[in-house]
């Protein structure tokens, strides 16, 4: 079962992908960078969820 960290991580990754795509379309390098940062944050949250799951088991 997905916990809160996994869900937040997935949402942040989607947010980042949308920002990155919008930056590509508008040729806005700042927005593309913000999208990549959001994706990295999402990955980190998902990894934190994996660690929490491992500790629970």
PDB file of N, CA and C in Angstrom:
ATOM      1  N   UNK A   1       0.846  -1.193   0.000  1.00  0.00           N
ATOM      2  CA  UNK A   1       0.000   0.000   0.000  1.00  0.00           C
ATOM      3  C   UNK A   1       0.882   1.243   0.000  1.00  0.00           C
ATOM      4  N   UNK A   2       0.491   2.215  -0.767  1.00  0.00           N
ATOM      5  CA  UNK A   2       1.260   3.464  -0.855  1.00  0.00           C
ATOM      6  C   UNK A   2       0.976   4.320   0.376  1.00  0.00           C
ATOM      7  N   UNK A   3       2.035   4.835   0.949  1.00  0.00           N
ATOM      8  CA  UNK A   3       1.839   5.719   2.089  1.00  0.00           C
ATOM      9  C   UNK A   3       1.853   7.165   1.616  1.00  0.00           C
ATOM     10  N   UNK A   4       1.755   8.066   2.557  1.00  0.00           N
ATOM     11  CA  UNK A   4       1.663   9.486   2.246  1.00  0.00           C
ATOM     12  C   UNK A   4       2.878   9.990   1.472  1.00  0.00           C
ATOM     13  N   UNK A   5       4.069   9.530   1.831  1.00  0.00           N
ATOM     14  CA  UNK A   5       5.282   9.983   1.150  1.00  0.00           C
ATOM     15  C   UNK A   5       5.302   9.542  -0.310  1.00  0.00           C
ATOM     16  N   UNK A   6       4.859   8.310  -0.574  1.00  0.00           N
ATOM     17  CA  UNK A   6       4.808   7.836  -1.952  1.00  0.00           C
ATOM     18  C   UNK A   6       3.838   8.676  -2.782  1.00  0.00           C
ATOM     19  N   UNK A   7       2.681   8.983  -2.208  1.00  0.00           N
ATOM     20  CA  UNK A   7       1.688   9.771  -2.930  1.00  0.00           C
ATOM     21  C   UNK A   7       2.155  11.200  -3.164  1.00  0.00           C
ATOM     22  N   UNK A   8       2.745  11.809  -2.142  1.00  0.00           N
ATOM     23  CA  UNK A   8       3.272  13.167  -2.301  1.00  0.00           C
ATOM     24  C   UNK A   8       4.391  13.191  -3.333  1.00  0.00           C
ATOM     25  N   UNK A   9       5.217  12.167  -3.301  1.00  0.00           N
ATOM     26  CA  UNK A   9       6.317  12.076  -4.256  1.00  0.00           C
ATOM     27  C   UNK A   9       5.820  11.964  -5.689  1.00  0.00           C
ATOM     28  N   UNK A  10       4.821  11.126  -5.890  1.00  0.00           N
ATOM     29  CA  UNK A  10       4.261  10.955  -7.229  1.00  0.00           C
ATOM     30  C   UNK A  10       3.623  12.253  -7.720  1.00  0.00           C
ATOM     31  N   UNK A  11       2.919  12.933  -6.837  1.00  0.00           N
ATOM     32  CA  UNK A  11       2.289  14.205  -7.204  1.00  0.00           C
ATOM     33  C   UNK A  11       3.341  15.247  -7.558  1.00  0.00           C
ATOM     34  N   UNK A  12       4.418  15.292  -6.794  1.00  0.00           N
ATOM     35  CA  UNK A  12       5.480  16.268  -7.052  1.00  0.00           C
ATOM     36  C   UNK A  12       6.164  15.964  -8.387  1.00  0.00           C
ATOM     37  N   UNK A  13       6.339  14.683  -8.691  1.00  0.00           N
ATOM     38  CA  UNK A  13       6.947  14.311  -9.967  1.00  0.00           C
ATOM     39  C   UNK A  13       6.071  14.754 -11.135  1.00  0.00           C
ATOM     40  N   UNK A  14       4.768  14.548 -11.022  1.00  0.00           N
ATOM     41  CA  UNK A  14       3.853  14.969 -12.079  1.00  0.00           C
ATOM     42  C   UNK A  14       3.902  16.486 -12.230  1.00  0.00           C
ATOM     43  N   UNK A  15       3.882  17.192 -11.110  1.00  0.00           N
ATOM     44  CA  UNK A  15       3.983  18.653 -11.140  1.00  0.00           C
ATOM     45  C   UNK A  15       5.256  19.082 -11.869  1.00  0.00           C
ATOM     46  N   UNK A  16       6.349  18.423 -11.559  1.00  0.00           N
ATOM     47  CA  UNK A  16       7.621  18.756 -12.181  1.00  0.00           C
ATOM     48  C   UNK A  16       7.617  18.494 -13.670  1.00  0.00           C
ATOM     49  N   UNK A  17       7.015  17.385 -14.080  1.00  0.00           N
ATOM     50  CA  UNK A  17       6.956  17.067 -15.508  1.00  0.00           C
ATOM     51  C   UNK A  17       6.118  18.092 -16.261  1.00  0.00           C
ATOM     52  N   UNK A  18       5.029  18.548 -15.640  1.00  0.00           N
ATOM     53  CA  UNK A  18       4.185  19.565 -16.267  1.00  0.00           C
ATOM     54  C   UNK A  18       4.956  20.874 -16.402  1.00  0.00           C
ATOM     55  N   UNK A  19       5.661  21.271 -15.345  1.00  0.00           N
ATOM     56  CA  UNK A  19       6.452  22.501 -15.399  1.00  0.00           C
ATOM     57  C   UNK A  19       7.543  22.406 -16.454  1.00  0.00           C
ATOM     58  N   UNK A  20       8.206  21.268 -16.492  1.00  0.00           N
ATOM     59  CA  UNK A  20       9.281  21.095 -17.468  1.00  0.00           C
ATOM     60  C   UNK A  20       8.728  21.165 -18.895  1.00  0.00           C
ATOM     61  N   UNK A  21       7.598  20.517 -19.138  1.00  0.00           N
ATOM     62  CA  UNK A  21       6.987  20.544 -20.466  1.00  0.00           C
ATOM     63  C   UNK A  21       6.545  21.968 -20.831  1.00  0.00           C
ATOM     64  N   UNK A  22       5.977  22.670 -19.874  1.00  0.00           N
ATOM     65  CA  UNK A  22       5.568  24.054 -20.130  1.00  0.00           C
ATOM     66  C   UNK A  22       6.789  24.914 -20.447  1.00  0.00           C
ATOM     67  N   UNK A  23       7.872  24.676 -19.748  1.00  0.00           N
ATOM     68  CA  UNK A  23       9.109  25.401 -20.018  1.00  0.00           C
ATOM     69  C   UNK A  23       9.653  25.110 -21.403  1.00  0.00           C
ATOM     70  N   UNK A  24       9.516  23.854 -21.844  1.00  0.00           N
ATOM     71  CA  UNK A  24       9.946  23.480 -23.196  1.00  0.00           C
ATOM     72  C   UNK A  24       9.115  24.225 -24.233  1.00  0.00           C
ATOM     73  N   UNK A  25       7.802  24.236 -24.038  1.00  0.00           N
ATOM     74  CA  UNK A  25       6.898  24.859 -25.003  1.00  0.00           C
ATOM     75  C   UNK A  25       7.136  26.363 -25.085  1.00  0.00           C
ATOM     76  N   UNK A  26       7.339  26.993 -23.930  1.00  0.00           N
ATOM     77  CA  UNK A  26       7.507  28.448 -23.894  1.00  0.00           C
ATOM     78  C   UNK A  26       8.965  28.875 -23.990  1.00  0.00           C
ATOM     79  N   UNK A  27       9.867  27.919 -24.088  1.00  0.00           N
ATOM     80  CA  UNK A  27      11.311  28.181 -24.139  1.00  0.00           C
ATOM     81  C   UNK A  27      11.767  28.980 -22.915  1.00  0.00           C
ATOM     82  N   UNK A  28      11.232  28.578 -21.739  1.00  0.00           N
ATOM     83  CA  UNK A  28      11.554  29.235 -20.466  1.00  0.00           C
ATOM     84  C   UNK A  28      12.485  28.313 -19.676  1.00  0.00           C
ATOM     85  N   UNK A  29      13.772  28.642 -19.691  1.00  0.00           N
ATOM     86  CA  UNK A  29      14.749  27.772 -19.032  1.00  0.00           C
ATOM     87  C   UNK A  29      14.552  27.735 -17.521  1.00  0.00           C
ATOM     88  N   UNK A  30      14.067  28.820 -16.941  1.00  0.00           N
ATOM     89  CA  UNK A  30      13.806  28.856 -15.500  1.00  0.00           C
ATOM     90  C   UNK A  30      12.697  27.867 -15.122  1.00  0.00           C
ATOM     91  N   UNK A  31      11.649  27.846 -15.908  1.00  0.00           N
ATOM     92  CA  UNK A  31      10.529  26.938 -15.640  1.00  0.00           C
ATOM     93  C   UNK A  31      10.963  25.487 -15.836  1.00  0.00           C
ATOM     94  N   UNK A  32      11.780  25.237 -16.853  1.00  0.00           N
ATOM     95  CA  UNK A  32      12.297  23.878 -17.063  1.00  0.00           C
ATOM     96  C   UNK A  32      13.119  23.437 -15.859  1.00  0.00           C
ATOM     97  N   UNK A  33      13.951  24.325 -15.342  1.00  0.00           N
ATOM     98  CA  UNK A  33      14.784  23.997 -14.183  1.00  0.00           C
ATOM     99  C   UNK A  33      13.924  23.720 -12.959  1.00  0.00           C
ATOM    100  N   UNK A  34      12.896  24.549 -12.759  1.00  0.00           N
ATOM    101  CA  UNK A  34      11.988  24.328 -11.624  1.00  0.00           C
ATOM    102  C   UNK A  34      11.286  22.985 -11.749  1.00  0.00           C
ATOM    103  N   UNK A  35      10.960  22.600 -12.964  1.00  0.00           N
ATOM    104  CA  UNK A  35      10.332  21.303 -13.190  1.00  0.00           C
ATOM    105  C   UNK A  35      11.257  20.155 -12.832  1.00  0.00           C
ATOM    106  N   UNK A  36      12.521  20.279 -13.206  1.00  0.00           N
ATOM    107  CA  UNK A  36      13.494  19.227 -12.888  1.00  0.00           C
ATOM    108  C   UNK A  36      13.709  19.132 -11.373  1.00  0.00           C
ATOM    109  N   UNK A  37      13.716  20.280 -10.699  1.00  0.00           N
ATOM    110  CA  UNK A  37      13.876  20.291  -9.244  1.00  0.00           C
ATOM    111  C   UNK A  37      12.675  19.618  -8.583  1.00  0.00           C
ATOM    112  N   UNK A  38      11.480  19.930  -9.056  1.00  0.00           N
ATOM    113  CA  UNK A  38      10.274  19.312  -8.492  1.00  0.00           C
ATOM    114  C   UNK A  38      10.288  17.797  -8.705  1.00  0.00           C
ATOM    115  N   UNK A  39      10.757  17.366  -9.864  1.00  0.00           N
ATOM    116  CA  UNK A  39      10.842  15.923 -10.120  1.00  0.00           C
ATOM    117  C   UNK A  39      11.833  15.253  -9.172  1.00  0.00           C
ATOM    118  N   UNK A  40      12.953  15.913  -8.944  1.00  0.00           N
ATOM    119  CA  UNK A  40      13.948  15.358  -8.021  1.00  0.00           C
ATOM    120  C   UNK A  40      13.386  15.284  -6.604  1.00  0.00           C
ATOM    121  N   UNK A  41      12.638  16.312  -6.220  1.00  0.00           N
ATOM    122  CA  UNK A  41      12.009  16.295  -4.889  1.00  0.00           C
ATOM    123  C   UNK A  41      11.004  15.147  -4.791  1.00  0.00           C
ATOM    124  N   UNK A  42      10.266  14.922  -5.854  1.00  0.00           N
ATOM    125  CA  UNK A  42       9.313  13.812  -5.876  1.00  0.00           C
ATOM    126  C   UNK A  42       9.997  12.473  -5.725  1.00  0.00           C
ATOM    127  N   UNK A  43      11.106  12.304  -6.424  1.00  0.00           N
ATOM    128  CA  UNK A  43      11.881  11.058  -6.307  1.00  0.00           C
ATOM    129  C   UNK A  43      12.381  10.867  -4.881  1.00  0.00           C
ATOM    130  N   UNK A  44      12.854  11.947  -4.278  1.00  0.00           N
ATOM    131  CA  UNK A  44      13.359  11.867  -2.904  1.00  0.00           C
ATOM    132  C   UNK A  44      12.245  11.476  -1.941  1.00  0.00           C
ATOM    133  N   UNK A  45      11.058  12.035  -2.124  1.00  0.00           N
ATOM    134  CA  UNK A  45       9.926  11.676  -1.258  1.00  0.00           C
ATOM    135  C   UNK A  45       9.563  10.205  -1.418  1.00  0.00           C
ATOM    136  N   UNK A  46       9.591   9.722  -2.659  1.00  0.00           N
ATOM    137  CA  UNK A  46       9.283   8.312  -2.875  1.00  0.00           C
ATOM    138  C   UNK A  46      10.339   7.419  -2.222  1.00  0.00           C
ATOM    139  N   UNK A  47      11.596   7.810  -2.305  1.00  0.00           N
ATOM    140  CA  UNK A  47      12.660   7.041  -1.652  1.00  0.00           C
ATOM    141  C   UNK A  47      12.469   7.049  -0.138  1.00  0.00           C
ATOM    142  N   UNK A  48      12.062   8.201   0.404  1.00  0.00           N
ATOM    143  CA  UNK A  48      11.798   8.284   1.844  1.00  0.00           C
ATOM    144  C   UNK A  48      10.661   7.334   2.218  1.00  0.00           C
ATOM    145  N   UNK A  49       9.660   7.240   1.368  1.00  0.00           N
ATOM    146  CA  UNK A  49       8.571   6.294   1.600  1.00  0.00           C
ATOM    147  C   UNK A  49       9.055   4.860   1.568  1.00  0.00           C
ATOM    148  N   UNK A  50       9.983   4.560   0.658  1.00  0.00           N
ATOM    149  CA  UNK A  50      10.555   3.212   0.593  1.00  0.00           C
ATOM    150  C   UNK A  50      11.302   2.873   1.894  1.00  0.00           C
ATOM    151  N   UNK A  51      12.043   3.852   2.405  1.00  0.00           N
ATOM    152  CA  UNK A  51      12.787   3.640   3.650  1.00  0.00           C
ATOM    153  C   UNK A  51      11.811   3.391   4.806  1.00  0.00           C
ATOM    154  N   UNK A  52      10.756   4.197   4.857  1.00  0.00           N
ATOM    155  CA  UNK A  52       9.752   4.021   5.923  1.00  0.00           C
ATOM    156  C   UNK A  52       9.136   2.630   5.837  1.00  0.00           C
ATOM    157  N   UNK A  53       8.832   2.189   4.601  1.00  0.00           N
ATOM    158  CA  UNK A  53       8.260   0.849   4.424  1.00  0.00           C
ATOM    159  C   UNK A  53       9.224  -0.227   4.893  1.00  0.00           C
ATOM    160  N   UNK A  54      10.484  -0.052   4.581  1.00  0.00           N
ATOM    161  CA  UNK A  54      11.489  -1.050   4.971  1.00  0.00           C
ATOM    162  C   UNK A  54      11.620  -1.121   6.491  1.00  0.00           C
ATOM    163  N   UNK A  55      11.507   0.016   7.150  1.00  0.00           N
ATOM    164  CA  UNK A  55      11.613   0.064   8.610  1.00  0.00           C
ATOM    165  C   UNK A  55      10.403  -0.602   9.256  1.00  0.00           C
ATOM    166  N   UNK A  56       9.231  -0.434   8.648  1.00  0.00           N
ATOM    167  CA  UNK A  56       7.993  -1.024   9.179  1.00  0.00           C
ATOM    168  C   UNK A  56       8.043  -2.540   9.129  1.00  0.00           C
ATOM    169  N   UNK A  57       8.695  -3.076   8.081  1.00  0.00           N
ATOM    170  CA  UNK A  57       8.734  -4.543   7.898  1.00  0.00           C
ATOM    171  C   UNK A  57       9.719  -5.147   8.805  1.00  0.00           C
TER     172      UNK A  57
END
